[in-house]
Structures are given as C-alpha cells and as structure tokens.
Amino acid sequence: MTRRHRRHSTAKKREVVEACLNGEALQALSERHDVCRSLIRTWIEKHERGACDDDAVEADLLSECKVRIVALERLVGRQALEIEFP
C-alpha cells in the first residue's frame, strides 16, 4: 500500500523538532505524529540550517500576495465598470 504525500504545517514541524531537541525519542514522536523518523531528521537538519524560517517567510509572503491579488482584482473590476458606463 502506498502512502500519499502529505504536507505538514510549519507549526507542526516546529513542534516536532522542538520536542526532539528537548529529548523526546524519535520513535515516540514518529508514532504520535504519524510521521516517518527520517522525515523528522530532515526537519531537524533544516531547522539547524535555518531553513524552517524560510518556510514561514514564504507562507507569510503567499498570504500577503493573495490579499494583494484580491485588491487588484477589485480595482480592475471597478475600472472595467467605469469604462463600460462612463
């Protein structure tokens, strides 16, 4: 049986990494969060390199971009109405 790739939130990754760094065993974390031990090790490596912060920055940037897109779509809609009905 193949498992589907799942995405984990930055908050969950941080929670798991912090628990591991505080001394909790990889096996226990793996079972509790239903995540492979090798994936937890990858998250720890990224955390040590500071790459986890990049994920948070990208998530914030994505949210800001979505808000900006909605505002621009509204502006385009208003301008289209002004052109059609002067």
N, C-alpha and C. Protein backbone atom coordinates (compact mmCIF):
# COMPACT_ATOMS: atom_id res chain seq x y z
N MET A 1 0.85 -1.18 0.00
CA MET A 1 0.00 0.00 0.00
C MET A 1 0.89 1.25 0.00
N THR A 2 0.67 2.13 -0.93
CA THR A 2 1.47 3.35 -1.00
C THR A 2 0.78 4.47 -0.24
N ARG A 3 1.61 5.25 0.43
CA ARG A 3 1.07 6.40 1.16
C ARG A 3 1.12 7.62 0.28
N ARG A 4 0.13 8.42 0.41
CA ARG A 4 0.08 9.68 -0.32
C ARG A 4 0.97 10.70 0.36
N HIS A 5 1.61 11.53 -0.42
CA HIS A 5 2.43 12.58 0.17
C HIS A 5 1.53 13.58 0.88
N ARG A 6 1.93 13.91 2.09
CA ARG A 6 1.16 14.88 2.86
C ARG A 6 2.00 16.11 3.09
N ARG A 7 1.35 17.21 3.28
CA ARG A 7 2.04 18.45 3.62
C ARG A 7 1.79 18.72 5.10
N HIS A 8 2.83 19.16 5.77
CA HIS A 8 2.72 19.45 7.19
C HIS A 8 2.96 20.94 7.40
N SER A 9 2.20 21.51 8.27
CA SER A 9 2.33 22.95 8.53
C SER A 9 3.67 23.23 9.20
N THR A 10 4.12 24.46 9.05
CA THR A 10 5.36 24.88 9.68
C THR A 10 5.25 24.76 11.19
N ALA A 11 4.07 25.04 11.72
CA ALA A 11 3.85 24.94 13.17
C ALA A 11 4.04 23.50 13.66
N LYS A 12 3.51 22.54 12.90
CA LYS A 12 3.65 21.14 13.29
C LYS A 12 5.12 20.71 13.22
N LYS A 13 5.81 21.13 12.16
CA LYS A 13 7.23 20.79 12.02
C LYS A 13 8.02 21.33 13.21
N ARG A 14 7.75 22.58 13.56
CA ARG A 14 8.46 23.19 14.70
C ARG A 14 8.16 22.45 15.99
N GLU A 15 6.90 22.08 16.18
CA GLU A 15 6.51 21.36 17.39
C GLU A 15 7.27 20.05 17.51
N VAL A 16 7.35 19.31 16.42
CA VAL A 16 8.04 18.02 16.42
C VAL A 16 9.54 18.22 16.65
N VAL A 17 10.13 19.18 15.95
CA VAL A 17 11.57 19.44 16.09
C VAL A 17 11.90 19.87 17.51
N GLU A 18 11.11 20.77 18.07
CA GLU A 18 11.38 21.23 19.44
C GLU A 18 11.26 20.09 20.44
N ALA A 19 10.27 19.22 20.24
CA ALA A 19 10.12 18.07 21.14
C ALA A 19 11.34 17.16 21.05
N CYS A 20 11.84 16.97 19.84
CA CYS A 20 13.01 16.12 19.66
C CYS A 20 14.24 16.76 20.29
N LEU A 21 14.41 18.05 20.08
CA LEU A 21 15.56 18.75 20.65
C LEU A 21 15.49 18.80 22.18
N ASN A 22 14.28 18.69 22.73
CA ASN A 22 14.12 18.67 24.18
C ASN A 22 14.30 17.26 24.76
N GLY A 23 14.65 16.31 23.90
CA GLY A 23 15.00 14.98 24.40
C GLY A 23 14.00 13.88 24.14
N GLU A 24 12.89 14.17 23.49
CA GLU A 24 11.92 13.11 23.23
C GLU A 24 12.46 12.20 22.12
N ALA A 25 12.21 10.92 22.23
CA ALA A 25 12.74 9.93 21.29
C ALA A 25 12.06 10.06 19.92
N LEU A 26 12.88 9.83 18.88
CA LEU A 26 12.35 9.90 17.51
C LEU A 26 11.21 8.91 17.30
N GLN A 27 11.37 7.70 17.83
CA GLN A 27 10.34 6.67 17.65
C GLN A 27 9.01 7.12 18.25
N ALA A 28 9.05 7.69 19.43
CA ALA A 28 7.81 8.15 20.09
C ALA A 28 7.17 9.29 19.30
N LEU A 29 7.99 10.23 18.82
CA LEU A 29 7.47 11.34 18.02
C LEU A 29 6.87 10.83 16.72
N SER A 30 7.58 9.90 16.11
CA SER A 30 7.13 9.32 14.85
C SER A 30 5.75 8.68 15.00
N GLU A 31 5.58 7.92 16.04
CA GLU A 31 4.30 7.25 16.27
C GLU A 31 3.20 8.23 16.62
N ARG A 32 3.52 9.18 17.49
CA ARG A 32 2.50 10.12 17.96
C ARG A 32 2.00 11.03 16.83
N HIS A 33 2.91 11.47 15.97
CA HIS A 33 2.53 12.41 14.92
C HIS A 33 2.32 11.73 13.56
N ASP A 34 2.48 10.41 13.52
CA ASP A 34 2.31 9.64 12.29
C ASP A 34 3.20 10.19 11.17
N VAL A 35 4.48 10.34 11.51
CA VAL A 35 5.47 10.88 10.58
C VAL A 35 6.70 9.97 10.62
N CYS A 36 7.28 9.71 9.49
CA CYS A 36 8.47 8.87 9.39
C CYS A 36 9.66 9.50 10.14
N ARG A 37 10.47 8.66 10.78
CA ARG A 37 11.63 9.16 11.53
C ARG A 37 12.60 9.91 10.63
N SER A 38 12.79 9.42 9.41
CA SER A 38 13.72 10.09 8.50
C SER A 38 13.23 11.49 8.15
N LEU A 39 11.91 11.66 8.08
CA LEU A 39 11.36 12.99 7.80
C LEU A 39 11.62 13.93 8.98
N ILE A 40 11.49 13.40 10.19
CA ILE A 40 11.78 14.21 11.38
C ILE A 40 13.25 14.63 11.37
N ARG A 41 14.14 13.70 11.00
CA ARG A 41 15.57 14.04 10.91
C ARG A 41 15.80 15.15 9.88
N THR A 42 15.08 15.07 8.76
CA THR A 42 15.19 16.10 7.73
C THR A 42 14.75 17.45 8.27
N TRP A 43 13.64 17.46 9.02
CA TRP A 43 13.15 18.72 9.61
C TRP A 43 14.17 19.28 10.59
N ILE A 44 14.81 18.40 11.36
CA ILE A 44 15.82 18.85 12.32
C ILE A 44 17.00 19.47 11.59
N GLU A 45 17.46 18.82 10.52
CA GLU A 45 18.57 19.36 9.74
C GLU A 45 18.22 20.73 9.17
N LYS A 46 17.01 20.85 8.64
CA LYS A 46 16.57 22.14 8.10
C LYS A 46 16.51 23.19 9.20
N HIS A 47 16.02 22.78 10.35
CA HIS A 47 15.93 23.70 11.49
C HIS A 47 17.33 24.20 11.88
N GLU A 48 18.29 23.29 11.92
CA GLU A 48 19.65 23.66 12.30
C GLU A 48 20.29 24.58 11.27
N ARG A 49 19.92 24.43 10.00
CA ARG A 49 20.45 25.31 8.94
C ARG A 49 19.66 26.61 8.85
N GLY A 50 18.54 26.69 9.55
CA GLY A 50 17.72 27.89 9.49
C GLY A 50 16.73 27.89 8.34
N ALA A 51 16.56 26.75 7.68
CA ALA A 51 15.67 26.67 6.52
C ALA A 51 14.20 26.67 6.92
N CYS A 52 13.88 26.31 8.14
CA CYS A 52 12.48 26.30 8.58
C CYS A 52 11.92 27.72 8.59
N ASP A 53 12.78 28.67 8.88
CA ASP A 53 12.35 30.06 8.88
C ASP A 53 11.95 30.49 7.47
N ASP A 54 12.62 29.95 6.46
CA ASP A 54 12.27 30.27 5.08
C ASP A 54 10.85 29.83 4.76
N ASP A 55 10.45 28.67 5.29
CA ASP A 55 9.09 28.19 5.07
C ASP A 55 8.07 29.17 5.63
N ALA A 56 8.34 29.68 6.81
CA ALA A 56 7.42 30.63 7.45
C ALA A 56 7.36 31.93 6.66
N VAL A 57 8.52 32.39 6.20
CA VAL A 57 8.57 33.63 5.42
C VAL A 57 7.79 33.45 4.12
N GLU A 58 7.98 32.30 3.46
CA GLU A 58 7.26 32.05 2.21
C GLU A 58 5.75 31.98 2.45
N ALA A 59 5.33 31.38 3.55
CA ALA A 59 3.90 31.29 3.86
C ALA A 59 3.32 32.68 4.10
N ASP A 60 4.05 33.53 4.82
CA ASP A 60 3.59 34.89 5.05
C ASP A 60 3.52 35.67 3.74
N LEU A 61 4.53 35.51 2.90
CA LEU A 61 4.57 36.19 1.62
C LEU A 61 3.40 35.75 0.74
N LEU A 62 3.10 34.46 0.76
CA LEU A 62 1.98 33.95 -0.02
C LEU A 62 0.67 34.57 0.44
N SER A 63 0.47 34.68 1.75
CA SER A 63 -0.75 35.29 2.28
C SER A 63 -0.86 36.75 1.85
N GLU A 64 0.26 37.48 1.95
CA GLU A 64 0.25 38.88 1.52
C GLU A 64 -0.06 39.01 0.03
N CYS A 65 0.50 38.12 -0.76
CA CYS A 65 0.25 38.16 -2.21
C CYS A 65 -1.21 37.88 -2.53
N LYS A 66 -1.81 36.93 -1.83
CA LYS A 66 -3.22 36.63 -2.06
C LYS A 66 -4.09 37.83 -1.75
N VAL A 67 -3.81 38.53 -0.65
CA VAL A 67 -4.57 39.71 -0.27
C VAL A 67 -4.40 40.79 -1.35
N ARG A 68 -3.18 40.96 -1.83
CA ARG A 68 -2.89 41.97 -2.86
C ARG A 68 -3.62 41.63 -4.17
N ILE A 69 -3.66 40.36 -4.52
CA ILE A 69 -4.36 39.93 -5.74
C ILE A 69 -5.84 40.26 -5.65
N VAL A 70 -6.45 39.99 -4.51
CA VAL A 70 -7.88 40.29 -4.33
C VAL A 70 -8.12 41.79 -4.49
N ALA A 71 -7.26 42.61 -3.89
CA ALA A 71 -7.42 44.06 -4.00
C ALA A 71 -7.27 44.52 -5.45
N LEU A 72 -6.31 43.97 -6.16
CA LEU A 72 -6.11 44.35 -7.56
C LEU A 72 -7.27 43.89 -8.45
N GLU A 73 -7.82 42.72 -8.16
CA GLU A 73 -8.98 42.25 -8.93
C GLU A 73 -10.18 43.17 -8.73
N ARG A 74 -10.36 43.65 -7.49
CA ARG A 74 -11.44 44.61 -7.23
C ARG A 74 -11.23 45.89 -8.04
N LEU A 75 -9.99 46.38 -8.04
CA LEU A 75 -9.67 47.60 -8.77
C LEU A 75 -9.92 47.43 -10.26
N VAL A 76 -9.52 46.31 -10.82
CA VAL A 76 -9.75 46.04 -12.24
C VAL A 76 -11.24 45.98 -12.53
N GLY A 77 -12.00 45.38 -11.63
CA GLY A 77 -13.45 45.32 -11.82
C GLY A 77 -14.08 46.69 -11.83
N ARG A 78 -13.65 47.55 -10.90
CA ARG A 78 -14.18 48.93 -10.86
C ARG A 78 -13.83 49.69 -12.13
N GLN A 79 -12.59 49.55 -12.57
CA GLN A 79 -12.16 50.25 -13.77
C GLN A 79 -12.91 49.75 -15.00
N ALA A 80 -13.19 48.48 -15.06
CA ALA A 80 -13.96 47.93 -16.18
C ALA A 80 -15.36 48.51 -16.20
N LEU A 81 -15.97 48.65 -15.02
CA LEU A 81 -17.30 49.26 -14.95
C LEU A 81 -17.27 50.72 -15.38
N GLU A 82 -16.22 51.45 -14.99
CA GLU A 82 -16.10 52.85 -15.37
C GLU A 82 -15.95 53.00 -16.88
N ILE A 83 -15.24 52.08 -17.49
CA ILE A 83 -15.06 52.14 -18.95
C ILE A 83 -16.37 51.83 -19.65
N GLU A 84 -17.12 50.85 -19.16
CA GLU A 84 -18.38 50.47 -19.79
C GLU A 84 -19.48 51.50 -19.57
N PHE A 85 -19.52 52.08 -18.39
CA PHE A 85 -20.57 53.02 -18.05
C PHE A 85 -19.97 54.36 -17.63
N PRO A 86 -19.55 55.18 -18.58
CA PRO A 86 -18.93 56.47 -18.22
C PRO A 86 -19.91 57.46 -17.64
